[in-house]
Amino acid sequence: MHFNTKVKVIEIKKEQERPNFLDKYYLVRFALDSDGISSIEADIWVHSNYPEEKIVKVAYTFLHRRLLDCVESIESEIYTPEEVDALWQSVKPEKIV
Protein backbone atom coordinates (compact mmCIF):
# COMPACT_ATOMS: atom_id res chain seq x y z
CA MET A 1 0.00 0.00 0.00
CA HIS A 2 1.32 3.43 -0.92
CA PHE A 3 -0.04 6.69 0.43
CA ASN A 4 0.04 10.12 -1.14
CA THR A 5 2.89 11.75 0.78
CA LYS A 6 4.40 15.19 0.28
CA VAL A 7 7.38 16.84 1.91
CA LYS A 8 7.71 20.55 1.34
CA VAL A 9 9.67 23.48 2.70
CA ILE A 10 7.36 25.81 4.57
CA GLU A 11 9.90 28.20 6.07
CA ILE A 12 13.58 29.14 5.88
CA LYS A 13 15.12 31.35 8.54
CA LYS A 14 18.59 32.72 7.88
CA GLU A 15 21.31 33.58 10.37
CA GLN A 16 19.66 31.82 13.29
CA GLU A 17 21.27 31.12 16.63
CA ARG A 18 21.18 27.37 17.13
CA PRO A 19 20.99 26.33 20.77
CA ASN A 20 24.38 25.22 22.14
CA PHE A 21 26.29 26.31 19.02
CA LEU A 22 28.33 29.45 18.42
CA ASP A 23 27.96 29.74 14.64
CA LYS A 24 24.92 30.92 12.71
CA TYR A 25 22.64 28.42 10.96
CA TYR A 26 19.76 28.27 8.55
CA LEU A 27 16.63 26.78 10.05
CA VAL A 28 14.68 24.95 7.37
CA ARG A 29 11.17 23.88 8.39
CA PHE A 30 9.46 21.09 6.48
CA ALA A 31 5.84 19.93 6.46
CA LEU A 32 5.34 16.19 6.01
CA ASP A 33 1.85 15.43 4.76
CA SER A 34 0.52 11.91 4.23
CA ASP A 35 -3.01 10.58 3.75
CA GLY A 36 -4.56 9.66 7.07
CA ILE A 37 -1.90 11.29 9.25
CA SER A 38 -2.01 14.82 10.57
CA SER A 39 0.69 17.07 9.14
CA ILE A 40 4.04 16.79 10.88
CA GLU A 41 6.65 19.52 10.93
CA ALA A 42 10.39 18.90 11.04
CA ASP A 43 13.12 21.46 11.64
CA ILE A 44 16.54 20.92 10.08
CA TRP A 45 19.58 23.02 10.94
CA VAL A 46 22.05 23.75 8.14
CA HIS A 47 25.32 25.53 8.83
CA SER A 48 25.54 28.98 7.25
CA ASN A 49 28.85 28.10 5.56
CA TYR A 50 26.95 26.09 2.96
CA PRO A 51 26.26 28.14 -0.19
CA GLU A 52 22.83 29.75 0.09
CA GLU A 53 21.59 28.26 -3.20
CA LYS A 54 22.31 24.75 -1.86
CA ILE A 55 20.68 25.11 1.59
CA VAL A 56 17.37 23.50 0.65
CA LYS A 57 18.98 20.47 -1.01
CA VAL A 58 21.33 20.01 1.95
CA ALA A 59 18.36 20.26 4.32
CA TYR A 60 16.42 17.64 2.32
CA THR A 61 19.50 15.40 2.50
CA PHE A 62 19.71 15.76 6.28
CA LEU A 63 15.96 15.20 6.62
CA HIS A 64 16.17 12.07 4.47
CA ARG A 65 18.76 10.53 6.79
CA ARG A 66 16.71 11.43 9.91
CA LEU A 67 13.58 9.86 8.43
CA LEU A 68 15.50 6.69 7.54
CA ASP A 69 16.81 6.59 11.13
CA CYS A 70 13.22 6.86 12.38
CA VAL A 71 12.10 4.00 10.15
CA GLU A 72 15.00 1.82 11.28
CA SER A 73 14.27 2.56 14.94
CA ILE A 74 10.72 1.19 14.73
CA GLU A 75 11.17 -1.71 12.29
CA SER A 76 11.29 -4.34 15.05
CA GLU A 77 8.07 -2.93 16.56
CA ILE A 78 5.79 -3.23 13.53
CA TYR A 79 3.65 -5.90 11.90
CA THR A 80 4.06 -7.16 8.37
CA PRO A 81 1.17 -6.26 6.02
CA GLU A 82 -0.04 -9.87 6.25
CA GLU A 83 0.00 -9.76 10.06
CA VAL A 84 -1.97 -6.51 10.09
CA ASP A 85 -4.55 -7.99 7.75
CA ALA A 86 -4.89 -11.14 9.88
CA LEU A 87 -5.29 -9.03 13.01
CA TRP A 88 -7.89 -6.83 11.28
CA GLN A 89 -9.89 -9.89 10.24
CA SER A 90 -10.14 -10.86 13.91
CA VAL A 91 -11.23 -7.42 15.19
CA LYS A 92 -13.11 -5.73 12.34
CA PRO A 93 -16.67 -4.67 13.13
CA GLU A 94 -19.61 -6.46 11.61
CA LYS A 95 -21.18 -4.89 8.54
CA ILE A 96 -24.77 -3.73 8.67
CA VAL A 97 -26.60 -5.13 5.69
C-alpha atoms as a PDB file:
ATOM      1  CA  MET A   1       0.000   0.000   0.000  1.00  0.00           C
ATOM      2  CA  HIS A   2       1.321   3.426  -0.915  1.00  0.00           C
ATOM      3  CA  PHE A   3      -0.038   6.687   0.434  1.00  0.00           C
ATOM      4  CA  ASN A   4       0.043  10.118  -1.144  1.00  0.00           C
ATOM      5  CA  THR A   5       2.887  11.751   0.784  1.00  0.00           C
ATOM      6  CA  LYS A   6       4.400  15.189   0.280  1.00  0.00           C
ATOM      7  CA  VAL A   7       7.380  16.842   1.913  1.00  0.00           C
ATOM      8  CA  LYS A   8       7.715  20.553   1.345  1.00  0.00           C
ATOM      9  CA  VAL A   9       9.669  23.481   2.696  1.00  0.00           C
ATOM     10  CA  ILE A  10       7.362  25.812   4.573  1.00  0.00           C
ATOM     11  CA  GLU A  11       9.897  28.204   6.070  1.00  0.00           C
ATOM     12  CA  ILE A  12      13.575  29.142   5.876  1.00  0.00           C
ATOM     13  CA  LYS A  13      15.116  31.347   8.540  1.00  0.00           C
ATOM     14  CA  LYS A  14      18.585  32.716   7.880  1.00  0.00           C
ATOM     15  CA  GLU A  15      21.312  33.579  10.369  1.00  0.00           C
ATOM     16  CA  GLN A  16      19.660  31.817  13.291  1.00  0.00           C
ATOM     17  CA  GLU A  17      21.272  31.120  16.630  1.00  0.00           C
ATOM     18  CA  ARG A  18      21.178  27.372  17.126  1.00  0.00           C
ATOM     19  CA  PRO A  19      20.986  26.325  20.773  1.00  0.00           C
ATOM     20  CA  ASN A  20      24.383  25.224  22.143  1.00  0.00           C
ATOM     21  CA  PHE A  21      26.286  26.307  19.021  1.00  0.00           C
ATOM     22  CA  LEU A  22      28.331  29.453  18.419  1.00  0.00           C
ATOM     23  CA  ASP A  23      27.964  29.744  14.638  1.00  0.00           C
ATOM     24  CA  LYS A  24      24.921  30.919  12.708  1.00  0.00           C
ATOM     25  CA  TYR A  25      22.638  28.420  10.960  1.00  0.00           C
ATOM     26  CA  TYR A  26      19.762  28.271   8.553  1.00  0.00           C
ATOM     27  CA  LEU A  27      16.633  26.775  10.051  1.00  0.00           C
ATOM     28  CA  VAL A  28      14.681  24.946   7.367  1.00  0.00           C
ATOM     29  CA  ARG A  29      11.174  23.875   8.388  1.00  0.00           C
ATOM     30  CA  PHE A  30       9.455  21.090   6.485  1.00  0.00           C
ATOM     31  CA  ALA A  31       5.843  19.932   6.456  1.00  0.00           C
ATOM     32  CA  LEU A  32       5.340  16.194   6.008  1.00  0.00           C
ATOM     33  CA  ASP A  33       1.845  15.429   4.760  1.00  0.00           C
ATOM     34  CA  SER A  34       0.518  11.915   4.233  1.00  0.00           C
ATOM     35  CA  ASP A  35      -3.005  10.577   3.753  1.00  0.00           C
ATOM     36  CA  GLY A  36      -4.563   9.657   7.072  1.00  0.00           C
ATOM     37  CA  ILE A  37      -1.895  11.292   9.255  1.00  0.00           C
ATOM     38  CA  SER A  38      -2.009  14.823  10.571  1.00  0.00           C
ATOM     39  CA  SER A  39       0.689  17.065   9.140  1.00  0.00           C
ATOM     40  CA  ILE A  40       4.044  16.793  10.885  1.00  0.00           C
ATOM     41  CA  GLU A  41       6.650  19.523  10.926  1.00  0.00           C
ATOM     42  CA  ALA A  42      10.387  18.896  11.038  1.00  0.00           C
ATOM     43  CA  ASP A  43      13.123  21.458  11.641  1.00  0.00           C
ATOM     44  CA  ILE A  44      16.536  20.917  10.085  1.00  0.00           C
ATOM     45  CA  TRP A  45      19.575  23.024  10.941  1.00  0.00           C
ATOM     46  CA  VAL A  46      22.050  23.752   8.138  1.00  0.00           C
ATOM     47  CA  HIS A  47      25.324  25.533   8.832  1.00  0.00           C
ATOM     48  CA  SER A  48      25.544  28.975   7.252  1.00  0.00           C
ATOM     49  CA  ASN A  49      28.851  28.103   5.558  1.00  0.00           C
ATOM     50  CA  TYR A  50      26.953  26.093   2.957  1.00  0.00           C
ATOM     51  CA  PRO A  51      26.263  28.138  -0.193  1.00  0.00           C
ATOM     52  CA  GLU A  52      22.831  29.753   0.089  1.00  0.00           C
ATOM     53  CA  GLU A  53      21.595  28.265  -3.203  1.00  0.00           C
ATOM     54  CA  LYS A  54      22.305  24.754  -1.856  1.00  0.00           C
ATOM     55  CA  ILE A  55      20.685  25.115   1.585  1.00  0.00           C
ATOM     56  CA  VAL A  56      17.371  23.495   0.654  1.00  0.00           C
ATOM     57  CA  LYS A  57      18.980  20.470  -1.014  1.00  0.00           C
ATOM     58  CA  VAL A  58      21.329  20.012   1.948  1.00  0.00           C
ATOM     59  CA  ALA A  59      18.356  20.260   4.319  1.00  0.00           C
ATOM     60  CA  TYR A  60      16.421  17.643   2.316  1.00  0.00           C
ATOM     61  CA  THR A  61      19.501  15.396   2.498  1.00  0.00           C
ATOM     62  CA  PHE A  62      19.711  15.757   6.284  1.00  0.00           C
ATOM     63  CA  LEU A  63      15.958  15.203   6.624  1.00  0.00           C
ATOM     64  CA  HIS A  64      16.170  12.067   4.475  1.00  0.00           C
ATOM     65  CA  ARG A  65      18.758  10.529   6.794  1.00  0.00           C
ATOM     66  CA  ARG A  66      16.710  11.433   9.908  1.00  0.00           C
ATOM     67  CA  LEU A  67      13.584   9.858   8.428  1.00  0.00           C
ATOM     68  CA  LEU A  68      15.502   6.691   7.544  1.00  0.00           C
ATOM     69  CA  ASP A  69      16.805   6.591  11.126  1.00  0.00           C
ATOM     70  CA  CYS A  70      13.218   6.864  12.378  1.00  0.00           C
ATOM     71  CA  VAL A  71      12.097   3.997  10.154  1.00  0.00           C
ATOM     72  CA  GLU A  72      14.996   1.816  11.278  1.00  0.00           C
ATOM     73  CA  SER A  73      14.275   2.555  14.941  1.00  0.00           C
ATOM     74  CA  ILE A  74      10.717   1.187  14.732  1.00  0.00           C
ATOM     75  CA  GLU A  75      11.167  -1.707  12.287  1.00  0.00           C
ATOM     76  CA  SER A  76      11.288  -4.343  15.049  1.00  0.00           C
ATOM     77  CA  GLU A  77       8.074  -2.935  16.558  1.00  0.00           C
ATOM     78  CA  ILE A  78       5.788  -3.234  13.526  1.00  0.00           C
ATOM     79  CA  TYR A  79       3.650  -5.904  11.900  1.00  0.00           C
ATOM     80  CA  THR A  80       4.060  -7.156   8.366  1.00  0.00           C
ATOM     81  CA  PRO A  81       1.174  -6.263   6.021  1.00  0.00           C
ATOM     82  CA  GLU A  82      -0.037  -9.866   6.246  1.00  0.00           C
ATOM     83  CA  GLU A  83       0.001  -9.762  10.060  1.00  0.00           C
ATOM     84  CA  VAL A  84      -1.972  -6.511  10.090  1.00  0.00           C
ATOM     85  CA  ASP A  85      -4.551  -7.988   7.751  1.00  0.00           C
ATOM     86  CA  ALA A  86      -4.889 -11.135   9.877  1.00  0.00           C
ATOM     87  CA  LEU A  87      -5.293  -9.027  13.011  1.00  0.00           C
ATOM     88  CA  TRP A  88      -7.887  -6.832  11.276  1.00  0.00           C
ATOM     89  CA  GLN A  89      -9.885  -9.889  10.236  1.00  0.00           C
ATOM     90  CA  SER A  90     -10.135 -10.859  13.908  1.00  0.00           C
ATOM     91  CA  VAL A  91     -11.230  -7.425  15.186  1.00  0.00           C
ATOM     92  CA  LYS A  92     -13.106  -5.729  12.338  1.00  0.00           C
ATOM     93  CA  PRO A  93     -16.669  -4.669  13.129  1.00  0.00           C
ATOM     94  CA  GLU A  94     -19.612  -6.459  11.609  1.00  0.00           C
ATOM     95  CA  LYS A  95     -21.180  -4.890   8.542  1.00  0.00           C
ATOM     96  CA  ILE A  96     -24.769  -3.733   8.674  1.00  0.00           C
ATOM     97  CA  VAL A  97     -26.603  -5.127   5.689  1.00  0.00           C
END
